[in-house]
N, C-alpha and C. Protein backbone atom coordinates (compact mmCIF):
# COMPACT_ATOMS: atom_id res chain seq x y z
N UNK A 1 166.17 294.51 183.50
CA UNK A 1 164.78 294.42 183.11
C UNK A 1 164.48 295.53 182.11
N UNK A 2 163.81 295.19 181.04
CA UNK A 2 163.51 296.16 179.99
C UNK A 2 162.37 297.08 180.42
N UNK A 3 162.44 298.30 179.95
CA UNK A 3 161.37 299.25 180.24
C UNK A 3 160.20 298.99 179.29
N UNK A 4 159.03 299.17 179.82
CA UNK A 4 157.84 299.02 178.98
C UNK A 4 157.02 300.29 179.06
N UNK A 5 156.28 300.55 178.02
CA UNK A 5 155.45 301.76 178.02
C UNK A 5 154.23 301.54 178.90
N UNK A 6 153.61 302.64 179.31
CA UNK A 6 152.40 302.53 180.13
C UNK A 6 151.33 301.73 179.41
N UNK A 7 151.20 301.96 178.12
CA UNK A 7 150.16 301.28 177.36
C UNK A 7 150.37 299.77 177.34
N UNK A 8 151.59 299.30 177.16
CA UNK A 8 151.83 297.87 177.08
C UNK A 8 151.64 297.16 178.42
N UNK A 9 151.72 297.90 179.52
CA UNK A 9 151.51 297.30 180.83
C UNK A 9 150.03 297.16 181.16
N UNK A 10 149.17 297.72 180.36
CA UNK A 10 147.74 297.69 180.64
C UNK A 10 146.97 297.00 179.53
N UNK A 11 146.91 295.66 179.55
CA UNK A 11 146.18 294.96 178.48
C UNK A 11 144.70 295.31 178.47
N UNK A 12 144.13 295.66 179.63
CA UNK A 12 142.71 296.02 179.66
C UNK A 12 142.44 297.26 178.83
N UNK A 13 143.35 298.21 178.84
CA UNK A 13 143.16 299.42 178.06
C UNK A 13 143.08 299.06 176.58
N UNK A 14 143.95 298.18 176.11
CA UNK A 14 143.92 297.77 174.71
C UNK A 14 142.60 297.07 174.40
N UNK A 15 142.17 296.17 175.29
CA UNK A 15 140.96 295.40 175.06
C UNK A 15 139.72 296.28 174.99
N UNK A 16 139.69 297.34 175.78
CA UNK A 16 138.51 298.20 175.83
C UNK A 16 138.25 298.93 174.52
N UNK A 17 139.24 299.01 173.66
CA UNK A 17 139.01 299.63 172.37
C UNK A 17 138.33 298.68 171.39
N UNK A 18 138.25 297.45 171.75
CA UNK A 18 137.59 296.45 170.93
C UNK A 18 136.10 296.42 171.23
N UNK A 19 135.36 295.66 170.43
CA UNK A 19 133.93 295.51 170.64
C UNK A 19 133.69 294.21 171.40
N UNK A 20 132.92 294.30 172.46
CA UNK A 20 132.55 293.14 173.24
C UNK A 20 131.19 292.65 172.73
N UNK A 21 131.09 291.38 172.41
CA UNK A 21 129.85 290.81 171.91
C UNK A 21 129.21 290.00 173.03
N UNK A 22 127.98 290.33 173.36
CA UNK A 22 127.22 289.59 174.37
C UNK A 22 126.21 288.73 173.63
N UNK A 23 126.32 287.41 173.79
CA UNK A 23 125.47 286.48 173.06
C UNK A 23 124.52 285.79 174.02
N UNK A 24 123.23 285.84 173.71
CA UNK A 24 122.22 285.12 174.48
C UNK A 24 121.66 284.01 173.62
N UNK A 25 121.50 282.83 174.19
CA UNK A 25 121.00 281.69 173.43
C UNK A 25 119.85 281.05 174.19
N UNK A 26 118.76 280.83 173.49
CA UNK A 26 117.63 280.09 174.05
C UNK A 26 117.62 278.71 173.40
N UNK A 27 117.65 277.68 174.22
CA UNK A 27 117.74 276.32 173.72
C UNK A 27 116.46 275.83 173.08
N UNK A 28 116.62 274.77 172.31
CA UNK A 28 115.48 274.13 171.68
C UNK A 28 115.01 273.01 172.59
N UNK A 29 113.84 272.49 172.31
CA UNK A 29 113.33 271.38 173.11
C UNK A 29 112.49 270.46 172.25
N UNK A 30 112.14 269.32 172.81
CA UNK A 30 111.33 268.35 172.09
C UNK A 30 110.04 268.11 172.87
N UNK A 31 108.93 268.10 172.14
CA UNK A 31 107.63 267.83 172.77
C UNK A 31 106.93 266.73 171.97
N UNK A 32 106.56 265.63 172.63
CA UNK A 32 105.98 264.49 171.91
C UNK A 32 104.52 264.69 171.47
N UNK A 33 103.77 265.57 172.14
CA UNK A 33 102.37 265.74 171.75
C UNK A 33 102.00 267.23 171.67
N UNK A 34 100.79 267.51 171.18
CA UNK A 34 100.37 268.89 170.93
C UNK A 34 100.31 269.72 172.21
N UNK A 35 99.81 269.14 173.29
CA UNK A 35 99.73 269.88 174.56
C UNK A 35 101.13 270.28 175.04
N UNK A 36 102.05 269.35 174.95
CA UNK A 36 103.42 269.65 175.35
C UNK A 36 104.07 270.66 174.41
N UNK A 37 103.73 270.59 173.11
CA UNK A 37 104.27 271.55 172.15
C UNK A 37 103.84 272.97 172.49
N UNK A 38 102.57 273.13 172.87
CA UNK A 38 102.07 274.45 173.23
C UNK A 38 102.73 274.96 174.50
N UNK A 39 102.89 274.09 175.48
CA UNK A 39 103.56 274.45 176.72
C UNK A 39 105.02 274.82 176.46
N UNK A 40 105.68 274.05 175.60
CA UNK A 40 107.07 274.31 175.25
C UNK A 40 107.20 275.65 174.51
N UNK A 41 106.24 275.94 173.64
CA UNK A 41 106.26 277.21 172.90
C UNK A 41 106.18 278.39 173.87
N UNK A 42 105.30 278.28 174.87
CA UNK A 42 105.17 279.35 175.88
C UNK A 42 106.47 279.50 176.67
N UNK A 43 107.05 278.39 177.07
CA UNK A 43 108.30 278.43 177.82
C UNK A 43 109.42 279.06 176.99
N UNK A 44 109.48 278.73 175.69
CA UNK A 44 110.49 279.30 174.81
C UNK A 44 110.32 280.82 174.69
N UNK A 45 109.07 281.26 174.57
CA UNK A 45 108.80 282.70 174.47
C UNK A 45 109.22 283.42 175.75
N UNK A 46 108.94 282.80 176.91
CA UNK A 46 109.36 283.39 178.19
C UNK A 46 110.89 283.43 178.29
N UNK A 47 111.52 282.34 177.90
CA UNK A 47 112.98 282.27 177.95
C UNK A 47 113.61 283.33 177.03
N UNK A 48 113.03 283.49 175.84
CA UNK A 48 113.54 284.48 174.90
C UNK A 48 113.44 285.89 175.49
N UNK A 49 112.29 286.20 176.08
CA UNK A 49 112.10 287.51 176.69
C UNK A 49 113.10 287.74 177.84
N UNK A 50 113.30 286.71 178.67
CA UNK A 50 114.27 286.82 179.77
C UNK A 50 115.68 287.04 179.24
N UNK A 51 116.06 286.30 178.19
CA UNK A 51 117.41 286.44 177.62
C UNK A 51 117.60 287.83 177.02
N UNK A 52 116.58 288.34 176.32
CA UNK A 52 116.69 289.67 175.71
C UNK A 52 116.81 290.75 176.79
N UNK A 53 116.05 290.60 177.88
CA UNK A 53 116.16 291.56 178.99
C UNK A 53 117.54 291.50 179.64
N UNK A 54 118.05 290.29 179.82
CA UNK A 54 119.38 290.12 180.40
C UNK A 54 120.46 290.75 179.52
N UNK A 55 120.35 290.53 178.22
CA UNK A 55 121.30 291.13 177.28
C UNK A 55 121.24 292.66 177.32
N UNK A 56 120.02 293.18 177.37
CA UNK A 56 119.84 294.63 177.43
C UNK A 56 120.46 295.21 178.70
N UNK A 57 120.22 294.56 179.82
CA UNK A 57 120.79 295.01 181.11
C UNK A 57 122.31 294.96 181.07
N UNK A 58 122.86 293.87 180.53
CA UNK A 58 124.32 293.73 180.46
C UNK A 58 124.93 294.79 179.55
N UNK A 59 124.26 295.08 178.43
CA UNK A 59 124.77 296.09 177.52
C UNK A 59 124.81 297.46 178.21
N UNK A 60 123.80 297.77 178.99
CA UNK A 60 123.77 299.05 179.72
C UNK A 60 124.92 299.14 180.72
N UNK A 61 125.23 298.05 181.39
CA UNK A 61 126.34 298.04 182.34
C UNK A 61 127.66 298.35 181.62
N UNK A 62 127.90 297.68 180.50
CA UNK A 62 129.15 297.90 179.77
C UNK A 62 129.21 299.30 179.18
N UNK A 63 128.09 299.79 178.65
CA UNK A 63 128.07 301.14 178.10
C UNK A 63 128.35 302.18 179.20
N UNK A 64 127.88 301.91 180.43
CA UNK A 64 128.14 302.80 181.56
C UNK A 64 129.61 302.86 181.91
N UNK A 65 130.37 301.84 181.47
CA UNK A 65 131.82 301.81 181.72
C UNK A 65 132.60 302.17 180.45
N UNK A 66 131.89 302.74 179.48
CA UNK A 66 132.49 303.16 178.20
C UNK A 66 133.14 302.02 177.43
N UNK A 67 132.50 300.84 177.49
CA UNK A 67 132.96 299.69 176.73
C UNK A 67 131.94 299.45 175.62
N UNK A 68 132.41 299.45 174.40
CA UNK A 68 131.54 299.24 173.25
C UNK A 68 131.05 297.79 173.24
N UNK A 69 129.77 297.59 173.46
CA UNK A 69 129.20 296.24 173.52
C UNK A 69 128.05 296.12 172.54
N UNK A 70 127.96 294.98 171.89
CA UNK A 70 126.87 294.68 170.96
C UNK A 70 126.20 293.40 171.41
N UNK A 71 124.89 293.31 171.32
CA UNK A 71 124.19 292.10 171.73
C UNK A 71 123.68 291.33 170.51
N UNK A 72 123.69 290.02 170.66
CA UNK A 72 123.18 289.12 169.62
C UNK A 72 122.34 288.07 170.33
N UNK A 73 121.18 287.77 169.79
CA UNK A 73 120.33 286.71 170.35
C UNK A 73 120.15 285.62 169.30
N UNK A 74 120.34 284.38 169.69
CA UNK A 74 120.16 283.24 168.80
C UNK A 74 119.29 282.19 169.49
N UNK A 75 118.60 281.43 168.69
CA UNK A 75 117.87 280.28 169.23
C UNK A 75 118.53 279.02 168.69
N UNK A 76 118.60 277.98 169.52
CA UNK A 76 119.22 276.73 169.11
C UNK A 76 120.12 276.19 170.19
N UNK A 77 120.97 275.26 169.80
CA UNK A 77 121.90 274.66 170.75
C UNK A 77 122.97 275.69 171.09
N UNK A 78 123.25 275.91 172.38
CA UNK A 78 124.21 276.95 172.79
C UNK A 78 125.59 276.85 172.13
N UNK A 79 126.18 275.66 172.11
CA UNK A 79 127.53 275.52 171.52
C UNK A 79 127.50 275.87 170.03
N UNK A 80 126.50 275.39 169.32
CA UNK A 80 126.41 275.67 167.88
C UNK A 80 126.21 277.16 167.63
N UNK A 81 125.40 277.82 168.44
CA UNK A 81 125.16 279.25 168.27
C UNK A 81 126.43 280.05 168.56
N UNK A 82 127.15 279.68 169.59
CA UNK A 82 128.39 280.37 169.94
C UNK A 82 129.41 280.24 168.82
N UNK A 83 129.56 279.04 168.29
CA UNK A 83 130.51 278.81 167.20
C UNK A 83 130.07 279.56 165.94
N UNK A 84 128.79 279.52 165.64
CA UNK A 84 128.27 280.21 164.45
C UNK A 84 128.58 281.71 164.51
N UNK A 85 128.33 282.32 165.65
CA UNK A 85 128.58 283.75 165.79
C UNK A 85 130.08 284.03 165.88
N UNK A 86 130.78 283.30 166.74
CA UNK A 86 132.19 283.55 166.97
C UNK A 86 133.07 283.32 165.77
N UNK A 87 132.85 282.24 165.07
CA UNK A 87 133.68 281.92 163.91
C UNK A 87 133.10 282.49 162.62
N UNK A 88 131.79 282.54 162.54
CA UNK A 88 131.12 283.02 161.33
C UNK A 88 131.34 284.49 161.06
N UNK A 89 131.43 285.29 162.10
CA UNK A 89 131.64 286.72 161.93
C UNK A 89 133.12 287.10 162.02
N UNK A 90 133.97 286.09 162.06
CA UNK A 90 135.42 286.27 162.04
C UNK A 90 135.94 287.16 163.18
N UNK A 91 135.50 286.88 164.39
CA UNK A 91 136.04 287.56 165.55
C UNK A 91 137.43 287.01 165.84
N UNK A 92 138.21 287.75 166.59
CA UNK A 92 139.57 287.31 166.91
C UNK A 92 139.57 286.04 167.76
N UNK A 93 138.65 285.95 168.71
CA UNK A 93 138.58 284.77 169.57
C UNK A 93 137.24 284.76 170.31
N UNK A 94 136.95 283.61 170.91
CA UNK A 94 135.75 283.42 171.73
C UNK A 94 136.22 283.27 173.17
N UNK A 95 135.58 283.97 174.09
CA UNK A 95 135.84 283.79 175.52
C UNK A 95 134.58 283.17 176.09
N UNK A 96 134.74 282.03 176.75
CA UNK A 96 133.58 281.31 177.29
C UNK A 96 133.89 280.86 178.71
N UNK A 97 132.87 280.84 179.55
CA UNK A 97 133.04 280.40 180.93
C UNK A 97 132.82 278.91 181.07
N UNK A 98 133.35 278.36 182.14
CA UNK A 98 133.17 276.96 182.46
C UNK A 98 132.84 276.86 183.94
N UNK A 99 131.85 276.05 184.27
CA UNK A 99 131.47 275.90 185.68
C UNK A 99 132.40 274.96 186.42
N UNK A 100 133.27 274.29 185.71
CA UNK A 100 134.24 273.42 186.36
C UNK A 100 133.67 272.10 186.85
N UNK A 101 132.63 271.59 186.18
CA UNK A 101 132.11 270.28 186.55
C UNK A 101 133.15 269.23 186.20
N UNK A 102 133.28 268.24 187.02
CA UNK A 102 134.28 267.22 186.75
C UNK A 102 133.68 265.85 186.69
N UNK A 103 134.44 264.94 186.19
CA UNK A 103 134.12 263.52 186.18
C UNK A 103 132.77 263.15 185.61
N UNK A 104 131.99 262.44 186.41
CA UNK A 104 130.71 261.90 185.98
C UNK A 104 129.71 262.98 185.61
N UNK A 105 129.65 264.07 186.38
CA UNK A 105 128.71 265.15 186.07
C UNK A 105 128.96 265.71 184.68
N UNK A 106 130.22 265.92 184.35
CA UNK A 106 130.57 266.48 183.05
C UNK A 106 130.19 265.51 181.94
N UNK A 107 130.43 264.23 182.16
CA UNK A 107 130.12 263.22 181.15
C UNK A 107 128.63 263.08 180.94
N UNK A 108 127.86 263.18 182.01
CA UNK A 108 126.41 263.00 181.90
C UNK A 108 125.71 264.25 181.39
N UNK A 109 126.13 265.41 181.83
CA UNK A 109 125.44 266.64 181.48
C UNK A 109 125.95 267.25 180.18
N UNK A 110 127.12 266.85 179.74
CA UNK A 110 127.74 267.49 178.59
C UNK A 110 128.31 268.83 179.00
N UNK A 111 128.98 269.49 178.10
CA UNK A 111 129.61 270.74 178.44
C UNK A 111 129.63 271.64 177.22
N UNK A 112 128.98 272.80 177.33
CA UNK A 112 128.96 273.74 176.22
C UNK A 112 130.37 274.23 175.94
N UNK A 113 131.11 274.59 176.99
CA UNK A 113 132.46 275.09 176.77
C UNK A 113 133.34 274.03 176.12
N UNK A 114 133.21 272.79 176.53
CA UNK A 114 133.99 271.70 175.93
C UNK A 114 133.62 271.52 174.46
N UNK A 115 132.32 271.58 174.15
CA UNK A 115 131.88 271.43 172.75
C UNK A 115 132.42 272.57 171.90
N UNK A 116 132.41 273.79 172.43
CA UNK A 116 132.93 274.93 171.67
C UNK A 116 134.42 274.75 171.41
N UNK A 117 135.17 274.35 172.43
CA UNK A 117 136.61 274.14 172.26
C UNK A 117 136.88 273.07 171.19
N UNK A 118 136.12 271.99 171.23
CA UNK A 118 136.35 270.87 170.31
C UNK A 118 135.92 271.19 168.88
N UNK A 119 134.86 271.99 168.72
CA UNK A 119 134.28 272.17 167.38
C UNK A 119 134.64 273.49 166.70
N UNK A 120 135.15 274.46 167.42
CA UNK A 120 135.48 275.76 166.82
C UNK A 120 136.84 275.67 166.16
N UNK A 121 136.86 275.25 164.91
CA UNK A 121 138.12 275.02 164.21
C UNK A 121 138.69 276.29 163.58
N UNK A 122 137.83 277.28 163.30
CA UNK A 122 138.29 278.47 162.58
C UNK A 122 138.67 279.63 163.48
N UNK A 123 138.51 279.49 164.80
CA UNK A 123 138.86 280.58 165.69
C UNK A 123 139.35 280.05 167.03
N UNK A 124 140.10 280.90 167.73
CA UNK A 124 140.64 280.52 169.04
C UNK A 124 139.58 280.64 170.11
N UNK A 125 139.69 279.80 171.14
CA UNK A 125 138.74 279.80 172.25
C UNK A 125 139.52 279.92 173.56
N UNK A 126 139.07 280.84 174.42
CA UNK A 126 139.64 281.01 175.74
C UNK A 126 138.57 280.61 176.74
N UNK A 127 138.89 279.65 177.60
CA UNK A 127 137.94 279.19 178.62
C UNK A 127 138.34 279.75 179.96
N UNK A 128 137.39 280.39 180.66
CA UNK A 128 137.65 280.97 181.98
C UNK A 128 136.76 280.30 183.02
N UNK A 129 137.31 280.16 184.23
CA UNK A 129 136.52 279.62 185.34
C UNK A 129 136.24 280.69 186.32
């Protein structure tokens, strides 16, 4: 068996020198009339505030562990926003979670992770469960 250096045995140490990007996305919606449009606008504003607070909290957690983290907030379809940021800024790869829905649920609900894997042609995607 070949000897390896301490550094090569610890991939986490290498990764920690990189920048971790935390992306928050608030989805779009459709409202058929003015009353619904106003209600949807309020909901979007609340969702945006919640996402920004969540990103801020997550950034503090990573900074407390000496991991360089940057936050980005986008509005729009989650898969499109992830691809735009991940491939557009030329990151090495995208890491995305999957809830592991199968069969009919996946077909009916769609899958952000699946859409990212299928549409991200300019960068690699790692899916974790």
